N, C-alpha and C. Protein backbone atom coordinates (compact mmCIF):
# COMPACT_ATOMS: atom_id res chain seq x y z
N MET A 1 145.67 55.39 103.91
CA MET A 1 145.01 56.09 102.83
C MET A 1 145.70 55.72 101.52
N SER A 2 144.91 55.51 100.49
CA SER A 2 145.46 55.20 99.18
C SER A 2 145.28 56.39 98.25
N LYS A 3 146.01 56.41 97.17
CA LYS A 3 145.99 57.51 96.24
C LYS A 3 145.61 56.99 94.87
N LEU A 4 144.66 57.66 94.21
CA LEU A 4 144.22 57.31 92.87
C LEU A 4 144.71 58.40 91.93
N GLU A 5 145.49 58.01 90.93
CA GLU A 5 145.95 58.97 89.93
C GLU A 5 145.35 58.60 88.59
N THR A 6 144.62 59.55 87.99
CA THR A 6 143.97 59.31 86.71
C THR A 6 143.69 60.65 86.04
N ASN A 7 143.31 60.63 84.78
CA ASN A 7 142.99 61.85 84.05
C ASN A 7 141.48 62.11 83.96
N THR A 8 140.69 61.04 84.01
CA THR A 8 139.25 61.19 83.84
C THR A 8 138.50 60.23 84.75
N ILE A 9 137.47 60.74 85.41
CA ILE A 9 136.52 59.90 86.13
C ILE A 9 135.17 60.13 85.47
N ASP A 10 134.48 59.07 85.13
CA ASP A 10 133.19 59.20 84.46
C ASP A 10 132.21 58.19 85.05
N ASN A 11 130.93 58.45 84.89
CA ASN A 11 129.92 57.51 85.36
C ASN A 11 129.76 56.36 84.36
N ILE A 12 129.09 55.31 84.78
CA ILE A 12 128.90 54.15 83.91
C ILE A 12 127.88 54.49 82.83
N SER A 13 127.95 53.79 81.73
CA SER A 13 127.04 54.00 80.61
C SER A 13 125.60 53.80 81.08
N GLY A 14 124.71 54.69 80.66
CA GLY A 14 123.30 54.59 81.03
C GLY A 14 122.94 55.40 82.26
N SER A 15 123.93 55.98 82.94
CA SER A 15 123.66 56.79 84.12
C SER A 15 124.12 58.22 83.85
N SER A 16 123.38 59.19 84.37
CA SER A 16 123.77 60.59 84.14
C SER A 16 124.29 61.25 85.41
N THR A 17 124.41 60.48 86.49
CA THR A 17 124.86 61.04 87.76
C THR A 17 126.15 60.40 88.21
N LEU A 18 127.11 61.22 88.58
CA LEU A 18 128.38 60.76 89.13
C LEU A 18 128.44 61.25 90.57
N THR A 19 128.59 60.33 91.51
CA THR A 19 128.64 60.68 92.93
C THR A 19 130.05 60.49 93.45
N ILE A 20 130.56 61.51 94.12
CA ILE A 20 131.86 61.41 94.79
C ILE A 20 131.57 61.41 96.28
N GLY A 21 131.92 60.34 96.94
CA GLY A 21 131.61 60.19 98.35
C GLY A 21 130.24 59.55 98.53
N ASP A 22 130.06 58.92 99.68
CA ASP A 22 128.80 58.24 99.97
C ASP A 22 128.53 58.37 101.46
N THR A 23 128.03 57.35 102.10
CA THR A 23 127.64 57.45 103.50
C THR A 23 128.80 57.71 104.45
N ASN A 24 130.02 57.39 104.06
CA ASN A 24 131.18 57.61 104.93
C ASN A 24 131.82 58.98 104.74
N ALA A 25 131.50 59.67 103.67
CA ALA A 25 132.15 60.95 103.36
C ALA A 25 131.38 62.11 103.98
N THR A 26 132.07 62.94 104.76
CA THR A 26 131.45 64.15 105.30
C THR A 26 131.99 65.42 104.67
N SER A 27 133.11 65.30 103.95
CA SER A 27 133.64 66.45 103.24
C SER A 27 134.51 65.98 102.08
N VAL A 28 134.63 66.83 101.09
CA VAL A 28 135.51 66.60 99.95
C VAL A 28 136.46 67.79 99.90
N THR A 29 137.76 67.52 99.87
CA THR A 29 138.76 68.59 99.88
C THR A 29 139.42 68.71 98.52
N ILE A 30 139.51 69.94 98.05
CA ILE A 30 140.26 70.23 96.84
C ILE A 30 141.56 70.87 97.30
N ASP A 31 142.67 70.28 96.95
CA ASP A 31 143.97 70.72 97.45
C ASP A 31 144.23 72.18 97.13
N SER A 32 144.97 72.85 98.00
CA SER A 32 145.27 74.27 97.82
C SER A 32 146.11 74.55 96.59
N GLY A 33 146.75 73.53 96.04
CA GLY A 33 147.53 73.70 94.81
C GLY A 33 146.67 73.86 93.57
N VAL A 34 145.37 73.55 93.67
CA VAL A 34 144.47 73.70 92.53
C VAL A 34 144.11 75.18 92.41
N SER A 35 144.49 75.79 91.29
CA SER A 35 144.26 77.22 91.12
C SER A 35 142.95 77.52 90.39
N THR A 36 142.39 76.55 89.66
CA THR A 36 141.16 76.77 88.92
C THR A 36 140.26 75.54 89.04
N LEU A 37 139.01 75.77 89.39
CA LEU A 37 138.00 74.72 89.41
C LEU A 37 136.94 75.14 88.40
N THR A 38 136.75 74.35 87.36
CA THR A 38 135.85 74.72 86.27
C THR A 38 134.55 73.93 86.38
N ILE A 39 133.44 74.66 86.41
CA ILE A 39 132.11 74.06 86.35
C ILE A 39 131.47 74.62 85.08
N PRO A 40 131.47 73.86 83.98
CA PRO A 40 131.05 74.42 82.70
C PRO A 40 129.58 74.80 82.62
N ASN A 41 128.69 74.05 83.25
CA ASN A 41 127.28 74.43 83.28
C ASN A 41 126.64 73.79 84.49
N GLY A 42 125.46 74.27 84.81
CA GLY A 42 124.83 73.83 86.05
C GLY A 42 125.05 74.87 87.12
N ALA A 43 124.40 74.69 88.26
CA ALA A 43 124.45 75.68 89.33
C ALA A 43 125.42 75.27 90.41
N ALA A 44 126.27 76.20 90.79
CA ALA A 44 127.13 75.99 91.96
C ALA A 44 126.27 76.23 93.19
N THR A 45 126.40 75.39 94.20
CA THR A 45 125.54 75.56 95.37
C THR A 45 126.33 75.90 96.63
N GLY A 46 127.63 75.84 96.61
CA GLY A 46 128.40 76.09 97.81
C GLY A 46 128.64 77.56 98.10
N HIS A 47 128.69 78.39 97.08
CA HIS A 47 128.90 79.82 97.26
C HIS A 47 128.11 80.57 96.21
N MET A 48 127.81 81.81 96.50
CA MET A 48 127.01 82.67 95.62
C MET A 48 125.58 82.16 95.48
N TYR A 49 125.22 81.16 96.24
CA TYR A 49 123.85 80.66 96.31
C TYR A 49 123.55 80.40 97.77
N PRO A 50 122.43 80.78 98.29
CA PRO A 50 121.34 81.44 97.58
C PRO A 50 121.69 82.89 97.20
N ALA A 51 120.95 83.37 96.22
CA ALA A 51 121.09 84.74 95.76
C ALA A 51 119.71 85.32 95.50
N PHE A 52 119.57 86.62 95.72
CA PHE A 52 118.29 87.26 95.45
C PHE A 52 118.49 88.70 95.01
N MET A 53 117.57 89.19 94.20
CA MET A 53 117.48 90.61 93.88
C MET A 53 116.02 90.92 93.62
N VAL A 54 115.51 91.91 94.34
CA VAL A 54 114.10 92.26 94.24
C VAL A 54 113.96 93.77 94.10
N GLY A 55 112.83 94.18 93.55
CA GLY A 55 112.57 95.60 93.36
C GLY A 55 111.10 95.92 93.55
N LEU A 56 110.74 97.14 93.18
CA LEU A 56 109.35 97.60 93.26
C LEU A 56 108.72 97.56 91.88
N SER A 57 107.49 97.08 91.78
CA SER A 57 106.79 97.08 90.49
C SER A 57 106.24 98.48 90.18
N ALA A 58 106.06 99.29 91.21
CA ALA A 58 105.57 100.67 91.05
C ALA A 58 106.08 101.47 92.24
N ASN A 59 106.01 102.79 92.13
CA ASN A 59 106.41 103.63 93.26
C ASN A 59 105.62 103.27 94.51
N GLN A 60 106.27 103.29 95.65
CA GLN A 60 105.60 103.10 96.93
C GLN A 60 105.31 104.50 97.48
N THR A 61 104.05 104.86 97.56
CA THR A 61 103.67 106.25 97.87
C THR A 61 102.97 106.37 99.23
N GLY A 62 102.75 107.61 99.62
CA GLY A 62 101.99 107.89 100.84
C GLY A 62 102.71 107.51 102.11
N ILE A 63 104.04 107.53 102.09
CA ILE A 63 104.84 107.13 103.25
C ILE A 63 104.97 108.31 104.21
N THR A 64 104.71 108.04 105.47
CA THR A 64 104.83 109.07 106.49
C THR A 64 106.29 109.49 106.62
N PRO A 65 106.57 110.79 106.57
CA PRO A 65 107.96 111.25 106.70
C PRO A 65 108.51 111.05 108.11
N ALA A 66 109.83 111.02 108.20
CA ALA A 66 110.54 110.93 109.48
C ALA A 66 110.17 109.68 110.25
N SER A 67 109.84 108.61 109.53
CA SER A 67 109.49 107.34 110.17
C SER A 67 110.03 106.21 109.30
N TYR A 68 110.82 105.32 109.89
CA TYR A 68 111.35 104.21 109.10
C TYR A 68 110.21 103.31 108.67
N THR A 69 110.12 103.09 107.36
CA THR A 69 109.04 102.32 106.75
C THR A 69 109.64 101.16 105.96
N LYS A 70 109.05 99.98 106.09
CA LYS A 70 109.53 98.83 105.34
C LYS A 70 109.25 99.04 103.85
N VAL A 71 110.25 98.83 103.03
CA VAL A 71 110.07 98.93 101.58
C VAL A 71 109.38 97.65 101.13
N THR A 72 108.28 97.79 100.38
CA THR A 72 107.48 96.63 99.99
C THR A 72 107.95 96.10 98.65
N PHE A 73 109.00 95.33 98.68
CA PHE A 73 109.55 94.73 97.47
C PHE A 73 108.60 93.65 96.98
N ASP A 74 108.06 93.85 95.78
CA ASP A 74 107.03 92.94 95.28
C ASP A 74 107.37 92.34 93.91
N GLU A 75 108.60 92.55 93.45
CA GLU A 75 108.98 92.04 92.13
C GLU A 75 110.35 91.39 92.24
N GLU A 76 110.44 90.08 91.93
CA GLU A 76 111.69 89.35 92.04
C GLU A 76 112.38 89.25 90.68
N ASP A 77 113.65 89.63 90.64
CA ASP A 77 114.47 89.40 89.46
C ASP A 77 115.24 88.09 89.61
N VAL A 78 115.73 87.84 90.82
CA VAL A 78 116.49 86.63 91.13
C VAL A 78 116.05 86.14 92.50
N ASP A 79 115.78 84.85 92.61
CA ASP A 79 115.49 84.23 93.90
C ASP A 79 115.81 82.74 93.75
N THR A 80 117.09 82.42 93.83
CA THR A 80 117.56 81.08 93.46
C THR A 80 116.97 79.97 94.32
N ASN A 81 116.70 80.26 95.58
CA ASN A 81 116.24 79.21 96.49
C ASN A 81 114.84 79.46 97.03
N GLY A 82 114.12 80.39 96.44
CA GLY A 82 112.80 80.72 96.96
C GLY A 82 112.86 81.25 98.37
N ALA A 83 113.95 81.91 98.70
CA ALA A 83 114.19 82.37 100.08
C ALA A 83 113.67 83.78 100.31
N PHE A 84 113.24 84.48 99.26
CA PHE A 84 112.63 85.80 99.44
C PHE A 84 111.12 85.63 99.37
N ALA A 85 110.46 85.85 100.49
CA ALA A 85 109.00 85.72 100.56
C ALA A 85 108.51 86.61 101.69
N SER A 86 107.24 87.00 101.61
CA SER A 86 106.63 87.86 102.63
C SER A 86 107.48 89.10 102.89
N ASN A 87 108.06 89.62 101.81
CA ASN A 87 108.82 90.88 101.83
C ASN A 87 110.10 90.80 102.68
N LYS A 88 110.70 89.62 102.75
CA LYS A 88 111.96 89.48 103.47
C LYS A 88 112.75 88.30 102.91
N PHE A 89 114.08 88.37 103.09
CA PHE A 89 114.96 87.27 102.71
C PHE A 89 115.26 86.47 103.97
N THR A 90 115.02 85.15 103.91
CA THR A 90 115.28 84.26 105.04
C THR A 90 116.35 83.25 104.64
N VAL A 91 117.39 83.13 105.44
CA VAL A 91 118.49 82.21 105.14
C VAL A 91 117.97 80.78 105.23
N PRO A 92 118.08 80.00 104.13
CA PRO A 92 117.56 78.63 104.15
C PRO A 92 118.38 77.71 105.06
N THR A 93 117.77 76.62 105.46
CA THR A 93 118.44 75.59 106.24
C THR A 93 119.67 75.11 105.48
N GLY A 94 120.79 74.98 106.18
CA GLY A 94 122.02 74.51 105.56
C GLY A 94 122.80 75.56 104.80
N GLN A 95 122.34 76.84 104.84
CA GLN A 95 122.99 77.90 104.06
C GLN A 95 123.54 79.03 104.94
N ALA A 96 123.86 78.73 106.18
CA ALA A 96 124.48 79.74 107.04
C ALA A 96 125.83 80.14 106.46
N GLY A 97 126.29 81.33 106.79
CA GLY A 97 127.60 81.76 106.33
C GLY A 97 127.68 83.26 106.18
N LYS A 98 128.66 83.70 105.44
CA LYS A 98 128.87 85.12 105.19
C LYS A 98 128.16 85.50 103.88
N TYR A 99 127.41 86.58 103.93
CA TYR A 99 126.62 87.03 102.79
C TYR A 99 127.00 88.47 102.43
N PHE A 100 127.07 88.74 101.13
CA PHE A 100 127.14 90.12 100.64
C PHE A 100 125.70 90.59 100.48
N ILE A 101 125.35 91.71 101.10
CA ILE A 101 123.98 92.22 101.08
C ILE A 101 124.01 93.69 100.66
N GLY A 102 123.05 94.08 99.83
CA GLY A 102 122.95 95.48 99.42
C GLY A 102 121.51 95.97 99.44
N LEU A 103 121.36 97.24 99.71
CA LEU A 103 120.05 97.90 99.70
C LEU A 103 120.23 99.29 99.11
N ASP A 104 119.47 99.60 98.06
CA ASP A 104 119.45 100.93 97.46
C ASP A 104 118.01 101.43 97.50
N VAL A 105 117.81 102.61 98.06
CA VAL A 105 116.47 103.20 98.07
C VAL A 105 116.55 104.61 97.51
N GLN A 106 115.78 104.85 96.44
CA GLN A 106 115.66 106.21 95.90
C GLN A 106 114.33 106.77 96.38
N MET A 107 114.34 107.98 96.91
CA MET A 107 113.13 108.55 97.47
C MET A 107 113.07 110.05 97.21
N ASN A 108 111.86 110.59 97.36
CA ASN A 108 111.68 112.03 97.27
C ASN A 108 110.41 112.43 98.00
N ALA A 109 110.29 113.72 98.24
CA ALA A 109 109.07 114.26 98.82
C ALA A 109 108.01 114.29 97.73
N GLU A 110 106.80 113.87 98.09
CA GLU A 110 105.72 113.87 97.10
C GLU A 110 105.34 115.29 96.73
N SER A 111 104.68 115.42 95.59
CA SER A 111 104.25 116.73 95.11
C SER A 111 103.43 117.44 96.19
N GLY A 112 103.76 118.69 96.45
CA GLY A 112 103.05 119.46 97.47
C GLY A 112 103.65 119.34 98.86
N ALA A 113 104.60 118.41 99.01
CA ALA A 113 105.24 118.26 100.32
C ALA A 113 106.29 119.35 100.49
N GLY A 114 106.74 119.49 101.71
CA GLY A 114 107.76 120.50 101.98
C GLY A 114 109.13 120.02 101.58
N THR A 115 110.12 120.77 101.96
CA THR A 115 111.51 120.47 101.63
C THR A 115 112.00 119.24 102.40
N ALA A 116 112.72 118.36 101.72
CA ALA A 116 113.32 117.18 102.37
C ALA A 116 114.68 117.57 102.93
N THR A 117 115.01 117.01 104.08
CA THR A 117 116.27 117.37 104.72
C THR A 117 117.20 116.18 104.91
N VAL A 118 116.78 115.16 105.67
CA VAL A 118 117.65 114.03 105.99
C VAL A 118 116.94 112.74 105.66
N GLY A 119 117.67 111.78 105.10
CA GLY A 119 117.08 110.48 104.81
C GLY A 119 118.12 109.39 104.88
N SER A 120 117.69 108.17 105.12
CA SER A 120 118.62 107.05 105.14
C SER A 120 117.89 105.73 104.96
N ALA A 121 118.65 104.71 104.64
CA ALA A 121 118.13 103.34 104.52
C ALA A 121 118.73 102.50 105.64
N ARG A 122 118.03 101.43 105.99
CA ARG A 122 118.50 100.52 107.02
C ARG A 122 118.17 99.09 106.64
N ILE A 123 119.07 98.19 107.00
CA ILE A 123 118.78 96.76 106.88
C ILE A 123 118.46 96.26 108.28
N TYR A 124 117.30 95.63 108.40
CA TYR A 124 116.90 95.02 109.66
C TYR A 124 117.20 93.52 109.61
N LYS A 125 117.73 93.00 110.71
CA LYS A 125 117.99 91.56 110.84
C LYS A 125 117.13 91.04 111.99
N ASN A 126 116.28 90.07 111.69
CA ASN A 126 115.39 89.47 112.69
C ASN A 126 114.57 90.53 113.44
N GLY A 127 114.13 91.55 112.70
CA GLY A 127 113.24 92.56 113.26
C GLY A 127 113.91 93.73 113.95
N SER A 128 115.25 93.75 113.99
CA SER A 128 115.97 94.86 114.64
C SER A 128 116.97 95.47 113.68
N VAL A 129 117.29 96.74 113.89
CA VAL A 129 118.25 97.43 113.03
C VAL A 129 119.61 96.74 113.10
N ALA A 130 120.16 96.39 111.95
CA ALA A 130 121.48 95.76 111.89
C ALA A 130 122.51 96.68 111.25
N ILE A 131 122.13 97.34 110.16
CA ILE A 131 123.04 98.20 109.40
C ILE A 131 122.32 99.49 109.03
N VAL A 132 122.94 100.63 109.31
CA VAL A 132 122.43 101.92 108.88
C VAL A 132 123.35 102.41 107.77
N GLY A 133 122.78 102.84 106.68
CA GLY A 133 123.64 103.26 105.58
C GLY A 133 123.20 104.54 104.93
N GLY A 134 124.11 105.15 104.26
CA GLY A 134 123.84 106.26 103.37
C GLY A 134 122.97 107.35 103.95
N VAL A 135 123.33 107.89 105.10
CA VAL A 135 122.57 109.02 105.63
C VAL A 135 122.85 110.24 104.77
N VAL A 136 121.80 110.77 104.18
CA VAL A 136 121.94 111.90 103.27
C VAL A 136 121.38 113.14 103.96
N ASP A 137 122.14 114.20 103.96
CA ASP A 137 121.71 115.43 104.63
C ASP A 137 121.89 116.60 103.67
N PHE A 138 120.79 117.06 103.11
CA PHE A 138 120.84 118.25 102.28
C PHE A 138 119.43 118.79 102.12
N ARG A 139 119.32 119.98 101.56
CA ARG A 139 118.01 120.60 101.38
C ARG A 139 117.65 120.49 99.91
N ASN A 140 116.52 119.81 99.64
CA ASN A 140 116.11 119.67 98.24
C ASN A 140 114.78 120.35 97.99
N THR A 141 114.49 120.54 96.73
CA THR A 141 113.20 121.08 96.33
C THR A 141 112.27 119.92 96.00
N ASN A 142 110.98 120.18 95.93
CA ASN A 142 110.02 119.12 95.63
C ASN A 142 110.37 118.42 94.32
N GLY A 143 110.23 117.10 94.33
CA GLY A 143 110.46 116.32 93.13
C GLY A 143 111.90 115.90 92.90
N GLN A 144 112.84 116.45 93.66
CA GLN A 144 114.23 116.05 93.50
C GLN A 144 114.45 114.71 94.19
N LYS A 145 115.05 113.76 93.49
CA LYS A 145 115.24 112.41 94.02
C LYS A 145 116.66 112.25 94.55
N PHE A 146 116.79 111.42 95.58
CA PHE A 146 118.13 111.08 96.04
C PHE A 146 118.15 109.66 96.57
N ASN A 147 119.35 109.09 96.62
CA ASN A 147 119.52 107.69 96.98
C ASN A 147 120.19 107.53 98.34
N SER A 148 119.82 106.47 99.02
CA SER A 148 120.53 106.01 100.20
C SER A 148 120.94 104.57 99.92
N ASN A 149 122.23 104.28 100.05
CA ASN A 149 122.76 102.97 99.65
C ASN A 149 123.50 102.29 100.79
N ILE A 150 123.38 100.98 100.84
CA ILE A 150 124.12 100.16 101.79
C ILE A 150 124.71 98.98 101.03
N SER A 151 125.96 98.66 101.28
CA SER A 151 126.53 97.38 100.86
C SER A 151 127.42 96.90 101.99
N THR A 152 127.25 95.65 102.37
CA THR A 152 127.93 95.13 103.54
C THR A 152 128.09 93.61 103.44
N ILE A 153 128.89 93.06 104.33
CA ILE A 153 129.01 91.61 104.48
C ILE A 153 128.48 91.28 105.87
N MET A 154 127.56 90.31 105.92
CA MET A 154 126.93 89.93 107.17
C MET A 154 127.12 88.44 107.42
N ASP A 155 127.33 88.08 108.69
CA ASP A 155 127.42 86.69 109.11
C ASP A 155 126.01 86.26 109.50
N LEU A 156 125.41 85.33 108.76
CA LEU A 156 124.01 84.95 108.96
C LEU A 156 123.87 83.47 109.26
N SER A 157 122.92 83.14 110.10
CA SER A 157 122.60 81.76 110.44
C SER A 157 121.31 81.35 109.74
N ALA A 158 121.09 80.05 109.60
CA ALA A 158 119.84 79.55 109.02
C ALA A 158 118.67 80.10 109.84
N GLY A 159 117.66 80.60 109.14
CA GLY A 159 116.49 81.17 109.80
C GLY A 159 116.57 82.66 110.04
N ASP A 160 117.77 83.26 109.99
CA ASP A 160 117.87 84.72 110.08
C ASP A 160 117.12 85.34 108.91
N TYR A 161 116.46 86.48 109.14
CA TYR A 161 115.79 87.13 108.02
C TYR A 161 116.15 88.62 107.97
N LEU A 162 116.16 89.13 106.74
CA LEU A 162 116.56 90.52 106.48
C LEU A 162 115.43 91.26 105.78
N GLU A 163 115.27 92.55 106.15
CA GLU A 163 114.27 93.41 105.55
C GLU A 163 114.90 94.78 105.26
N GLY A 164 114.37 95.48 104.27
CA GLY A 164 114.85 96.81 103.93
C GLY A 164 113.88 97.89 104.38
N TYR A 165 114.43 98.92 105.02
CA TYR A 165 113.64 100.05 105.51
C TYR A 165 114.29 101.35 105.03
N ALA A 166 113.50 102.41 104.99
CA ALA A 166 114.06 103.73 104.67
C ALA A 166 113.17 104.81 105.28
N GLU A 167 113.74 106.00 105.40
CA GLU A 167 112.97 107.14 105.89
C GLU A 167 113.53 108.43 105.30
N LEU A 168 112.66 109.42 105.20
CA LEU A 168 113.03 110.74 104.69
C LEU A 168 112.27 111.78 105.49
N HIS A 169 112.99 112.76 106.01
CA HIS A 169 112.35 113.87 106.73
C HIS A 169 111.90 114.91 105.72
N THR A 170 110.67 115.36 105.85
CA THR A 170 110.20 116.50 105.06
C THR A 170 109.50 117.46 106.01
N SER A 171 109.43 118.71 105.61
CA SER A 171 108.79 119.70 106.48
C SER A 171 107.28 119.55 106.49
N SER A 172 106.73 118.87 105.47
CA SER A 172 105.29 118.57 105.43
C SER A 172 105.05 117.54 104.33
N GLY A 173 103.87 116.94 104.33
CA GLY A 173 103.49 116.00 103.28
C GLY A 173 104.12 114.64 103.42
N ASN A 174 103.96 113.81 102.39
CA ASN A 174 104.41 112.43 102.41
C ASN A 174 105.61 112.20 101.50
N VAL A 175 106.08 110.95 101.51
CA VAL A 175 107.31 110.55 100.82
C VAL A 175 106.99 109.42 99.85
N THR A 176 107.79 109.31 98.78
CA THR A 176 107.67 108.22 97.82
C THR A 176 109.00 107.49 97.70
N PHE A 177 108.94 106.15 97.65
CA PHE A 177 110.10 105.33 97.27
C PHE A 177 109.95 105.05 95.78
N ILE A 178 110.99 105.32 95.00
CA ILE A 178 110.93 105.31 93.53
C ILE A 178 111.29 103.93 92.97
N SER A 179 110.47 103.45 92.03
CA SER A 179 110.70 102.12 91.45
C SER A 179 111.52 102.15 90.17
N ASN A 180 111.60 103.26 89.49
CA ASN A 180 112.12 103.38 88.13
C ASN A 180 113.44 102.64 87.89
N ASN A 181 113.42 101.67 86.97
CA ASN A 181 114.63 100.94 86.55
C ASN A 181 115.44 100.41 87.73
N ARG A 182 114.74 99.88 88.71
CA ARG A 182 115.38 99.29 89.90
C ARG A 182 116.18 100.34 90.69
N SER A 183 115.67 101.57 90.68
CA SER A 183 116.29 102.61 91.52
C SER A 183 116.25 102.20 92.99
N THR A 184 115.21 101.44 93.35
CA THR A 184 115.08 100.88 94.69
C THR A 184 115.17 99.37 94.57
N LYS A 185 116.15 98.78 95.24
CA LYS A 185 116.35 97.33 95.12
C LYS A 185 117.01 96.78 96.38
N PHE A 186 116.83 95.48 96.59
CA PHE A 186 117.37 94.76 97.74
C PHE A 186 117.98 93.50 97.16
N PHE A 187 119.23 93.19 97.51
CA PHE A 187 119.91 92.09 96.84
C PHE A 187 120.97 91.49 97.75
N GLY A 188 121.39 90.27 97.41
CA GLY A 188 122.45 89.63 98.17
C GLY A 188 122.75 88.24 97.69
N TYR A 189 123.87 87.69 98.15
CA TYR A 189 124.24 86.31 97.83
C TYR A 189 125.23 85.81 98.87
N ARG A 190 125.27 84.49 98.99
CA ARG A 190 126.16 83.85 99.97
C ARG A 190 127.58 83.82 99.42
N LEU A 191 128.54 84.27 100.23
CA LEU A 191 129.95 84.22 99.86
C LEU A 191 130.56 82.87 100.20
N GLY A 192 130.12 82.27 101.27
CA GLY A 192 130.67 80.99 101.72
C GLY A 192 130.52 80.87 103.23
N ALA A 193 131.11 79.83 103.77
CA ALA A 193 130.94 79.54 105.20
C ALA A 193 131.56 80.61 106.08
């Protein structure tokens, strides 16, 4: 192995792309002694990507109480890789790894419904419950809103998909998931391998 010592590597005049490694390179290592890696502009693709954050464009109403219901996220704030579609986040090919994932659902009993007692949010992975979060147990009056929140780190493979669900028990009537200022949102990003 040979060692190259220099202060600057640049591409040739007339080209805007600099490639490090070619057909023989399968990895590039940055020594552990490097304390700062600066990327002044452009997108980093090895970590924190893909990333997504979605919300509701309007309240989701008429939800049957005491039944886990998929939250219909229909408004994207961030979707770096187009991986949020059909109301779920799907890990893209080549992007397996550890992900930070969060789900916040604000809900209340609809007008005329009875008292709400217990509610919670859940993250489903590949169609099954993966994480249960923020079980709230209290007695509220009609119109009082409360949140159920989840934040977690998940090990995901390419093709795994995540969905957000929530439920609220009421003594009668239906439930609403609240959209106001992203009170209800689903978000996440890749931490790394």
